[in-house]
Amino acid sequence: MFLEAAYIVPHPPIILPEVGRGEEMKIQKTTNAYIEVAKRISQIEPDTIIITSPHTTMYSDYFHISPGTQAKGDMRHFGVNKMSIEVEYDHELVKALSDETFKEDIPAGTLGERDASLDHGTFIPLYFINKYYRDYKVVRIGLSGLSNLEHYRLGKVITRTVNELGRKVVFIASGDLSHKLLHEGPYGFTKEGPEFDKQVTEAMTNADFLAFLNFDPSFCEAAAECGLKSFIIMAGALDGKAVDSKLLSYEGTFGVGYAVAAFDIKGNDENRQFDIIFKKEQQKKIDKLKLNESPYVKLARLSLETYVRKGEYAPIPDDLPDDMTRRKAGVFVSLKKHGQLRGCIGTISPVTNSVAMEILRNAVSAGTEDPRFAPVNKAELDEIVYSVDVLSEPEDISSIEELDVKKYGVIVSSGFRRGLLLPNLDGVDTPEQQVSIALEKAGIRPKEQYKLQRFEVVRHK
C-alpha cells in the first residue's frame, strides 16, 4: 500500500454543466480527460485521495492541512444552489502528516483554518471522481508563499507518511495554468501566458519535474499562473520514482490554460531526485556569480554572513574603492534565494558616513529585519544571491509624466508618510503602476495630496 498514481487537473467551474449551461461543451477535451482520470482512480480504488488546491486556506509561511473529520462544499458562489459534495477526511493521515512535518521543520499543520467548506479547486475534481468511485477519504492541503523547494520537500514527506501508515493513495494536484492567454479573456493577454503553458505542458508530457522547479518567479507572475506550486508538491511526492507520464488534454478556450495529466508509478529511479539536482545546479550558478561579484556585493555578502554566523557586524575591509569609503548615498540591499525575493531593506538618504557603512548596515537589515520574511539562517547563506542599489540624490518632479520605470525610481511623500519603489522591477511596466505601489507602501490614498520625487540607481551585482 503506497502512493499509486498522481494527476494534474484544472478546476474551471464552467466545466460543470450546471454552471456552464452549454459553455462547457467548448472544453469537451478537458471533460473527456477528466472522465478518464476518474475512471483510472476507480480502478485503483484508493483508501485516500490527497488534493492540493490553490483555493483553500493559504498563508505566506505555512502549509494549511484541513482539520476535522468531514467537510462539505457547494457551487453557490457560481450561481448553482442545489449542488453539493460532502467528504470524510482521513484524520489519522492528517495527524501523522502534521507530526512528520513538525519533525522535518516544515511549517505545516491544521491551525488557522479560515473556511471549512470545500473550495472549488477541491470540489471540481471530486465532482468527476464521484461519478465512478466514492469509497475514499480526503486529505486537503493548501499552497503557501514558501519556496518551490519547500513545496517539493512537503511532497516527499507526504509520500513517506503515506507509506508508513500503509495507505493506498492517489494524489490530485489541482491547478489551472496561465490566466492570460487571450486579449478577449477575463484577465487579458501577456506574451508570457502562452509561453508558460507551452513550457509547463512539455514538462508534464516528459515528467520533467526539474523544469517545474526552474521556472522563474517573475515569469510565472507575468503569466498569472495558478497551479505550479500544486504541481511541485506532487513532484515531491513522486521523488525518486520512475513514472509513466501522459498529457491527456490541454485547452485555453476561455483565456485560461486547462491541462490534465496522468503519472503512473513504475518503480524507483534514484536519478529522479529533482530537489538534489536543482540544489546542485543552483550552487554552480551561485559559485560562478561569486567569482565575478562587484566589491559592493562582496561587502553585502560579508556583512550578512558575518552577522548570521558570529552575531556581529563585519569590519570595513581596507581594499575598498574610494567611491565606497568617501561617498555618502542611500543604499538598498536585495536578497534572492532560488529566484525568489528573500529580503530587501534600504535607506533613501544616507544615515552613515559612507556607502560602505550603508551596505554593512542594510545587508544585515535585509537578512534579519524585513518583516515579510523570517531571518536568514546559517543553512541558507550559501544559497543567497545579492544585489546592491546605490541611489542618486532625489529630485522633485511635478508630474507622473517625468517618470520612466526603467530609468527612475520614485518617492511619494505626504507629511511623515513616505514610500519608495526602485526602478526596473519585474512586473512594474508603467509609471502609474510604480506610483500606485509606492503610495500603497506609504499608506497614502491616491486622492490625497502628495509630493513626487524621482531618483536614479546604479545596480551592482
Protein backbone atom coordinates (compact mmCIF):
# COMPACT_ATOMS: atom_id res chain seq x y z
CA MET A 1 0.00 0.00 0.00
CA PHE A 2 1.53 3.34 -1.04
CA LEU A 3 1.13 6.22 -3.47
CA GLU A 4 -0.26 4.56 -6.60
CA ALA A 5 -0.60 7.41 -9.10
CA ALA A 6 -0.81 11.19 -9.43
CA TYR A 7 -2.83 13.52 -11.62
CA ILE A 8 -2.74 17.17 -12.61
CA VAL A 9 -6.21 18.61 -13.16
CA PRO A 10 -7.71 22.09 -13.65
CA HIS A 11 -10.68 23.48 -11.74
CA PRO A 12 -12.81 25.70 -14.03
CA PRO A 13 -16.35 25.95 -12.60
CA ILE A 14 -17.63 26.38 -16.15
CA ILE A 15 -16.78 22.72 -16.84
CA LEU A 16 -19.75 21.69 -14.70
CA PRO A 17 -22.92 21.56 -16.84
CA GLU A 18 -24.87 23.15 -14.02
CA VAL A 19 -22.55 26.16 -14.15
CA GLY A 20 -21.56 26.22 -17.83
CA ARG A 21 -25.11 25.79 -19.18
CA GLY A 22 -23.78 24.77 -22.55
CA GLU A 23 -20.47 26.67 -22.45
CA GLU A 24 -18.80 23.55 -21.03
CA MET A 25 -19.09 21.99 -24.48
CA LYS A 26 -16.31 24.35 -25.63
CA ILE A 27 -13.83 22.48 -23.39
CA GLN A 28 -15.02 18.97 -24.13
CA LYS A 29 -11.44 17.66 -24.40
CA THR A 30 -10.87 18.68 -20.80
CA THR A 31 -14.11 16.99 -19.74
CA ASN A 32 -13.15 13.79 -21.55
CA ALA A 33 -9.72 13.77 -19.93
CA TYR A 34 -11.27 14.35 -16.51
CA ILE A 35 -13.54 11.35 -17.05
CA GLU A 36 -10.51 9.23 -17.96
CA VAL A 37 -8.79 10.30 -14.74
CA ALA A 38 -11.90 9.46 -12.71
CA LYS A 39 -12.10 6.01 -14.31
CA ARG A 40 -8.42 5.35 -13.63
CA ILE A 41 -8.93 6.25 -9.98
CA SER A 42 -11.94 3.96 -9.73
CA GLN A 43 -9.77 1.08 -10.95
CA ILE A 44 -7.09 1.85 -8.33
CA GLU A 45 -9.71 2.02 -5.53
CA PRO A 46 -7.62 4.22 -3.23
CA ASP A 47 -8.23 4.48 0.50
CA THR A 48 -7.42 8.18 0.42
CA ILE A 49 -7.25 10.97 -2.14
CA ILE A 50 -4.76 13.73 -1.34
CA ILE A 51 -5.65 17.02 -3.02
CA THR A 52 -3.51 20.14 -3.16
CA SER A 53 -5.51 23.24 -4.04
CA PRO A 54 -4.60 26.91 -4.61
CA HIS A 55 -8.03 27.96 -3.32
CA THR A 56 -8.17 26.50 0.16
CA THR A 57 -6.66 28.34 3.15
CA MET A 58 -3.28 29.76 2.16
CA TYR A 59 -0.54 31.50 4.16
CA SER A 60 2.74 33.05 3.12
CA ASP A 61 4.79 30.95 5.53
CA TYR A 62 2.68 27.90 6.37
CA PHE A 63 1.03 24.94 4.64
CA HIS A 64 -2.54 24.52 5.86
CA ILE A 65 -3.90 20.96 6.11
CA SER A 66 -7.66 20.90 6.54
CA PRO A 67 -8.62 19.65 10.02
CA GLY A 68 -11.62 17.77 11.34
CA THR A 69 -13.45 14.63 10.29
CA GLN A 70 -15.51 15.88 7.36
CA ALA A 71 -16.32 18.85 5.14
CA LYS A 72 -18.95 19.97 2.68
CA GLY A 73 -18.84 22.26 -0.34
CA ASP A 74 -21.21 23.69 -2.93
CA MET A 75 -21.32 25.89 -6.01
CA ARG A 76 -23.44 28.76 -4.68
CA HIS A 77 -20.66 31.23 -5.46
CA PHE A 78 -21.06 30.23 -9.10
CA GLY A 79 -24.81 30.56 -9.31
CA VAL A 80 -25.85 26.98 -8.55
CA ASN A 81 -27.80 26.43 -5.33
CA LYS A 82 -28.68 22.74 -5.28
CA MET A 83 -25.30 21.13 -5.82
CA SER A 84 -23.04 19.94 -3.02
CA ILE A 85 -20.38 17.39 -2.11
CA GLU A 86 -19.60 16.01 1.34
CA VAL A 87 -16.36 14.19 2.15
CA GLU A 88 -14.83 12.38 5.08
CA TYR A 89 -11.30 13.45 5.99
CA ASP A 90 -8.56 10.94 6.72
CA HIS A 91 -7.84 12.48 10.11
CA GLU A 92 -5.34 9.76 11.03
CA LEU A 93 -3.23 10.59 7.98
CA VAL A 94 -3.65 14.31 8.66
CA LYS A 95 -2.38 13.83 12.22
CA ALA A 96 0.56 11.71 11.07
CA LEU A 97 1.45 14.21 8.35
CA SER A 98 1.30 17.13 10.77
CA ASP A 99 3.60 15.27 13.17
CA GLU A 100 6.04 14.35 10.40
CA THR A 101 6.26 17.89 9.00
CA PHE A 102 6.99 19.13 12.53
CA LYS A 103 9.88 16.68 12.82
CA GLU A 104 11.21 17.81 9.44
CA ASP A 105 10.90 21.51 10.36
CA ILE A 106 8.37 22.14 7.59
CA PRO A 107 5.82 24.79 8.66
CA ALA A 108 2.60 22.83 8.13
CA GLY A 109 -0.41 21.76 10.14
CA THR A 110 -4.08 22.20 10.85
CA LEU A 111 -4.01 25.59 12.56
CA GLY A 112 -5.59 28.75 11.18
CA GLU A 113 -8.47 27.41 9.11
CA ARG A 114 -10.41 30.32 7.60
CA ASP A 115 -13.17 28.46 5.79
CA ALA A 116 -14.03 24.81 6.44
CA SER A 117 -16.08 24.40 3.26
CA LEU A 118 -14.62 22.68 0.21
CA ASP A 119 -13.16 25.17 -2.26
CA HIS A 120 -13.81 24.81 -5.99
CA GLY A 121 -10.24 23.63 -6.55
CA THR A 122 -11.21 20.59 -4.49
CA PHE A 123 -14.89 20.36 -5.39
CA ILE A 124 -14.45 20.04 -9.16
CA PRO A 125 -12.00 17.07 -9.13
CA LEU A 126 -14.24 15.27 -6.64
CA TYR A 127 -17.31 16.00 -8.79
CA PHE A 128 -15.83 13.90 -11.58
CA ILE A 129 -14.34 11.22 -9.33
CA ASN A 130 -17.67 10.70 -7.54
CA LYS A 131 -19.31 9.67 -10.79
CA TYR A 132 -17.19 6.50 -10.76
CA TYR A 133 -15.86 6.00 -7.23
CA ARG A 134 -16.89 7.14 -3.75
CA ASP A 135 -15.27 4.84 -1.23
CA TYR A 136 -12.43 7.15 -0.21
CA LYS A 137 -11.34 9.68 2.37
CA VAL A 138 -9.69 13.02 1.63
CA VAL A 139 -6.65 14.99 2.77
CA ARG A 140 -6.82 18.60 1.55
CA ILE A 141 -3.66 20.72 1.57
CA GLY A 142 -3.18 24.38 0.68
CA LEU A 143 -0.23 26.05 -1.02
CA SER A 144 1.97 28.72 0.57
CA GLY A 145 4.26 31.62 -0.20
CA LEU A 146 7.26 29.49 0.69
CA SER A 147 9.85 28.48 -1.88
CA ASN A 148 9.38 25.88 -4.58
CA LEU A 149 11.85 23.64 -2.77
CA GLU A 150 9.74 23.76 0.39
CA HIS A 151 6.72 22.65 -1.63
CA TYR A 152 8.77 19.81 -3.10
CA ARG A 153 10.01 18.85 0.35
CA LEU A 154 6.42 18.71 1.62
CA GLY A 155 5.58 16.30 -1.19
CA LYS A 156 8.40 13.98 -0.14
CA VAL A 157 7.14 13.94 3.45
CA ILE A 158 3.60 13.22 2.24
CA THR A 159 4.72 10.04 0.45
CA ARG A 160 6.84 8.89 3.36
CA THR A 161 3.91 9.35 5.75
CA VAL A 162 1.54 7.52 3.39
CA ASN A 163 3.93 4.57 3.20
CA GLU A 164 4.40 4.43 6.98
CA LEU A 165 0.63 4.27 7.53
CA GLY A 166 0.12 1.72 4.77
CA ARG A 167 -2.44 3.74 2.84
CA LYS A 168 -3.34 3.19 -0.80
CA VAL A 169 -3.36 6.76 -2.11
CA VAL A 170 -3.73 8.81 -5.29
CA PHE A 171 -2.52 12.38 -5.48
CA ILE A 172 -4.54 15.14 -7.18
CA ALA A 173 -2.64 18.35 -7.97
CA SER A 174 -5.42 20.85 -8.68
CA GLY A 175 -4.39 23.96 -10.59
CA ASP A 176 -5.01 25.97 -13.74
CA LEU A 177 -2.20 27.25 -15.93
CA SER A 178 -1.84 30.82 -17.25
CA HIS A 179 -4.82 33.16 -16.91
CA LYS A 180 -3.54 35.49 -19.64
CA LEU A 181 -3.85 33.63 -22.92
CA LEU A 182 -6.30 35.81 -24.87
CA HIS A 183 -6.91 39.54 -25.25
CA GLU A 184 -10.63 38.86 -25.02
CA GLY A 185 -10.23 36.59 -21.97
CA PRO A 186 -11.28 37.68 -18.49
CA TYR A 187 -7.69 38.51 -17.46
CA GLY A 188 -6.30 39.81 -20.74
CA PHE A 189 -3.15 38.73 -22.56
CA THR A 190 0.58 38.73 -21.99
CA LYS A 191 3.17 37.02 -24.16
CA GLU A 192 4.33 35.08 -21.10
CA GLY A 193 0.91 33.37 -20.85
CA PRO A 194 1.09 31.09 -23.90
CA GLU A 195 4.83 30.56 -23.36
CA PHE A 196 4.30 29.40 -19.80
CA ASP A 197 1.60 26.96 -20.90
CA LYS A 198 3.84 25.62 -23.66
CA GLN A 199 6.74 25.02 -21.31
CA VAL A 200 4.73 23.58 -18.43
CA THR A 201 2.75 21.15 -20.61
CA GLU A 202 6.00 19.97 -22.21
CA ALA A 203 7.29 19.30 -18.69
CA MET A 204 4.11 17.35 -17.90
CA THR A 205 4.44 15.32 -21.08
CA ASN A 206 8.01 14.35 -20.26
CA ALA A 207 7.58 14.13 -16.46
CA ASP A 208 10.35 16.74 -16.31
CA PHE A 209 9.77 17.89 -12.75
CA LEU A 210 13.10 19.72 -12.69
CA ALA A 211 11.51 22.18 -15.13
CA PHE A 212 8.81 22.90 -12.54
CA LEU A 213 11.49 23.94 -10.05
CA ASN A 214 13.38 26.02 -12.61
CA PHE A 215 10.54 28.35 -13.61
CA ASP A 216 11.49 31.97 -12.90
CA PRO A 217 9.08 33.53 -10.38
CA SER A 218 8.78 36.79 -12.34
CA PHE A 219 7.91 34.83 -15.49
CA CYS A 220 5.23 32.90 -13.59
CA GLU A 221 3.82 36.11 -12.14
CA ALA A 222 3.63 37.72 -15.57
CA ALA A 223 1.84 34.63 -16.88
CA ALA A 224 -0.61 34.77 -13.94
CA GLU A 225 -0.36 31.02 -13.44
CA CYS A 226 -2.33 29.28 -10.74
CA GLY A 227 -1.18 25.73 -10.14
CA LEU A 228 2.60 25.44 -10.41
CA LYS A 229 3.24 25.03 -6.67
CA SER A 230 0.47 22.45 -6.52
CA PHE A 231 2.29 20.54 -9.27
CA ILE A 232 5.57 20.88 -7.38
CA ILE A 233 4.14 19.28 -4.23
CA MET A 234 3.01 16.44 -6.47
CA ALA A 235 6.51 16.23 -7.98
CA GLY A 236 7.95 15.94 -4.49
CA ALA A 237 5.51 13.14 -3.72
CA LEU A 238 6.89 11.34 -6.79
CA ASP A 239 10.52 12.00 -5.83
CA GLY A 240 12.80 9.13 -6.77
CA LYS A 241 10.04 7.34 -8.67
CA ALA A 242 10.03 6.15 -12.27
CA VAL A 243 6.77 7.36 -13.80
CA ASP A 244 4.83 6.80 -16.99
CA SER A 245 3.51 10.26 -17.88
CA LYS A 246 0.77 11.27 -20.29
CA LEU A 247 -0.66 14.68 -21.10
CA LEU A 248 -4.31 13.77 -21.56
CA SER A 249 -5.52 17.19 -22.72
CA TYR A 250 -4.78 20.89 -22.95
CA GLU A 251 -7.16 23.73 -23.80
CA GLY A 252 -7.11 27.50 -23.48
CA THR A 253 -10.54 28.25 -24.93
CA PHE A 254 -11.57 30.89 -22.41
CA GLY A 255 -8.17 32.56 -21.99
CA VAL A 256 -7.13 30.30 -19.09
CA GLY A 257 -4.99 27.19 -19.57
CA TYR A 258 -6.51 23.85 -18.56
CA ALA A 259 -4.24 20.78 -18.55
CA VAL A 260 -4.97 17.22 -17.48
CA ALA A 261 -2.01 14.88 -16.99
CA ALA A 262 -1.55 11.41 -15.52
CA PHE A 263 1.53 9.94 -13.83
CA ASP A 264 1.61 6.21 -13.13
CA ILE A 265 4.36 4.96 -10.82
CA LYS A 266 6.52 2.20 -12.31
CA GLY A 267 9.13 1.71 -9.61
CA ASN A 268 12.11 3.55 -8.16
CA ASP A 269 14.60 5.75 -10.00
CA GLU A 270 17.32 7.44 -7.94
CA ASN A 271 18.09 9.73 -10.89
CA ARG A 272 14.73 11.45 -10.40
CA GLN A 273 15.54 13.18 -7.10
CA PHE A 274 14.96 16.61 -8.54
CA ASP A 275 15.47 18.68 -5.39
CA ILE A 276 19.03 17.37 -5.14
CA ILE A 277 19.65 18.07 -8.83
CA PHE A 278 18.15 21.55 -8.52
CA LYS A 279 20.28 22.46 -5.49
CA LYS A 280 23.46 21.33 -7.23
CA GLU A 281 22.64 23.37 -10.34
CA GLN A 282 21.78 26.43 -8.27
CA GLN A 283 25.00 26.14 -6.30
CA LYS A 284 27.03 26.05 -9.51
CA LYS A 285 25.33 29.27 -10.64
CA ILE A 286 25.99 30.97 -7.30
CA ASP A 287 29.63 29.86 -7.27
CA LYS A 288 30.02 31.36 -10.74
CA LEU A 289 28.41 34.61 -9.60
CA LYS A 290 30.74 34.84 -6.64
CA LEU A 291 33.76 34.77 -8.93
CA ASN A 292 32.53 37.95 -10.64
CA GLU A 293 30.89 39.83 -7.77
CA SER A 294 31.49 43.56 -7.52
CA PRO A 295 33.09 44.95 -4.33
CA TYR A 296 29.63 46.25 -3.35
CA VAL A 297 28.09 42.78 -3.44
CA LYS A 298 31.09 41.14 -1.81
CA LEU A 299 30.73 43.56 1.09
CA ALA A 300 27.00 42.86 1.41
CA ARG A 301 27.67 39.12 1.48
CA LEU A 302 30.50 39.53 4.01
CA SER A 303 28.25 41.65 6.21
CA LEU A 304 25.27 39.31 6.39
CA GLU A 305 27.33 36.12 6.64
CA THR A 306 29.43 37.57 9.47
CA TYR A 307 26.34 38.72 11.36
CA VAL A 308 24.43 35.45 10.97
CA ARG A 309 27.42 33.26 11.85
CA LYS A 310 29.01 35.38 14.60
CA GLY A 311 26.30 37.77 15.74
CA GLU A 312 28.45 40.83 14.99
CA TYR A 313 28.97 43.38 12.24
CA ALA A 314 31.87 42.85 9.86
CA PRO A 315 34.66 45.46 9.80
CA ILE A 316 35.11 47.53 6.67
CA PRO A 317 37.86 45.96 4.53
CA ASP A 318 40.92 48.07 3.76
CA ASP A 319 40.91 47.47 -0.01
CA LEU A 320 37.58 49.05 -0.99
CA PRO A 321 37.44 51.64 -3.78
CA ASP A 322 37.22 55.32 -2.79
CA ASP A 323 33.66 55.57 -4.15
CA MET A 324 32.55 53.23 -1.37
CA THR A 325 34.52 54.76 1.50
CA ARG A 326 34.45 58.51 0.77
CA ARG A 327 31.00 58.94 -0.74
CA LYS A 328 27.63 59.13 1.05
CA ALA A 329 24.45 57.79 -0.56
CA GLY A 330 21.27 55.90 0.11
CA VAL A 331 21.67 52.17 -0.48
CA PHE A 332 19.26 49.26 -0.91
CA VAL A 333 20.40 45.67 -0.45
CA SER A 334 18.24 42.94 -2.01
CA LEU A 335 18.48 39.22 -1.35
CA LYS A 336 17.11 36.43 -3.51
CA LYS A 337 17.00 32.69 -2.94
CA HIS A 338 16.29 30.35 -5.87
CA GLY A 339 14.95 33.31 -7.86
CA GLN A 340 12.55 34.49 -5.15
CA LEU A 341 12.91 37.62 -3.03
CA ARG A 342 14.32 36.79 0.40
CA GLY A 343 14.68 40.30 1.79
CA CYS A 344 15.14 43.93 0.79
CA ILE A 345 15.95 46.86 3.07
CA GLY A 346 17.49 50.23 2.27
CA THR A 347 17.89 53.89 3.04
CA ILE A 348 16.52 56.65 0.82
CA SER A 349 19.13 59.08 2.09
CA PRO A 350 22.43 58.19 3.77
CA VAL A 351 22.39 57.65 7.54
CA THR A 352 26.08 56.75 7.86
CA ASN A 353 29.40 58.25 6.78
CA SER A 354 29.92 56.17 3.64
CA VAL A 355 28.36 53.88 1.05
CA ALA A 356 30.39 51.02 2.55
CA MET A 357 28.93 51.53 6.01
CA GLU A 358 25.47 51.87 4.48
CA ILE A 359 25.92 48.47 2.80
CA LEU A 360 27.13 46.85 6.04
CA ARG A 361 24.04 48.01 7.94
CA ASN A 362 21.46 47.41 5.23
CA ALA A 363 22.70 43.94 4.29
CA VAL A 364 22.16 42.82 7.88
CA SER A 365 18.74 44.51 7.97
CA ALA A 366 17.68 42.90 4.68
CA GLY A 367 18.58 39.47 6.04
CA THR A 368 17.21 39.83 9.55
CA GLU A 369 14.67 42.66 9.78
CA ASP A 370 12.49 42.55 6.65
CA PRO A 371 9.04 41.97 8.20
CA ARG A 372 7.90 39.92 5.20
CA PHE A 373 10.37 37.13 5.89
CA ALA A 374 11.85 35.10 8.70
CA PRO A 375 15.50 35.99 9.41
CA VAL A 376 18.05 34.29 7.16
CA ASN A 377 19.64 31.32 8.92
CA LYS A 378 23.09 29.79 8.56
CA ALA A 379 21.90 26.96 6.32
CA GLU A 380 20.64 29.46 3.74
CA LEU A 381 23.72 31.63 3.42
CA ASP A 382 25.32 29.72 0.55
CA GLU A 383 22.06 29.98 -1.45
CA ILE A 384 21.61 33.76 -1.27
CA VAL A 385 22.16 35.99 -4.32
CA TYR A 386 22.77 39.67 -3.55
CA SER A 387 22.30 42.94 -5.39
CA VAL A 388 23.16 46.43 -4.17
CA ASP A 389 21.48 49.60 -5.44
CA VAL A 390 23.22 52.92 -4.79
CA LEU A 391 20.77 55.81 -5.07
CA SER A 392 21.34 59.23 -6.54
CA GLU A 393 20.08 62.33 -4.73
CA PRO A 394 16.26 62.51 -5.19
CA GLU A 395 14.89 65.37 -7.30
CA ASP A 396 11.43 66.90 -7.18
CA ILE A 397 9.15 66.39 -10.17
CA SER A 398 5.81 67.99 -10.94
CA SER A 399 4.01 65.14 -12.68
CA ILE A 400 3.98 61.42 -13.37
CA GLU A 401 4.97 62.15 -16.99
CA GLU A 402 8.52 62.80 -15.79
CA LEU A 403 8.93 59.19 -14.68
CA ASP A 404 10.44 56.28 -16.59
CA VAL A 405 10.04 52.92 -14.83
CA LYS A 406 13.25 51.56 -16.32
CA LYS A 407 15.41 54.57 -15.52
CA TYR A 408 13.96 56.21 -12.42
CA GLY A 409 12.79 55.07 -9.02
CA VAL A 410 10.02 57.05 -7.36
CA ILE A 411 9.44 58.50 -3.90
CA VAL A 412 5.98 59.62 -2.78
CA SER A 413 5.52 61.56 0.44
CA SER A 414 2.75 63.20 2.40
CA GLY A 415 3.70 64.57 5.80
CA PHE A 416 5.66 61.92 7.68
CA ARG A 417 4.48 59.14 5.34
CA ARG A 418 6.93 58.17 2.64
CA GLY A 419 7.06 55.34 0.13
CA LEU A 420 9.79 54.33 -2.32
CA LEU A 421 9.95 51.99 -5.29
CA LEU A 422 13.16 51.12 -7.10
CA PRO A 423 13.35 51.32 -10.91
CA ASN A 424 13.41 48.43 -13.37
CA LEU A 425 11.42 45.95 -11.29
CA ASP A 426 9.79 42.82 -12.71
CA GLY A 427 6.06 43.30 -13.18
CA VAL A 428 6.16 47.10 -12.93
CA ASP A 429 5.66 48.30 -16.50
CA THR A 430 4.15 51.80 -16.22
CA PRO A 431 4.70 54.94 -14.12
CA GLU A 432 1.10 54.59 -12.94
CA GLN A 433 1.84 51.15 -11.51
CA GLN A 434 5.04 52.46 -9.97
CA VAL A 435 3.33 55.35 -8.19
CA SER A 436 0.38 53.21 -7.11
CA ILE A 437 2.65 50.67 -5.41
CA ALA A 438 4.71 53.41 -3.75
CA LEU A 439 1.51 55.07 -2.44
CA GLU A 440 0.31 51.77 -1.03
CA LYS A 441 3.64 51.20 0.71
CA ALA A 442 3.44 54.67 2.24
CA GLY A 443 -0.19 54.30 3.33
CA ILE A 444 -1.20 57.30 1.21
CA ARG A 445 -4.58 57.24 -0.53
CA PRO A 446 -4.42 58.12 -4.25
CA LYS A 447 -6.83 61.06 -3.78
CA GLU A 448 -4.63 62.67 -1.12
CA GLN A 449 -2.13 65.40 -1.90
CA TYR A 450 1.38 64.01 -2.12
CA LYS A 451 4.83 65.01 -3.34
CA LEU A 452 6.64 63.18 -6.15
CA GLN A 453 10.39 62.71 -6.43
CA ARG A 454 12.49 60.60 -8.73
CA PHE A 455 15.98 59.17 -8.44
CA GLU A 456 18.38 57.00 -10.41
CA VAL A 457 20.29 53.99 -9.15
CA VAL A 458 23.45 52.16 -10.01
CA ARG A 459 22.80 48.47 -9.52
CA HIS A 460 25.73 46.30 -8.51
CA LYS A 461 25.66 42.50 -8.82
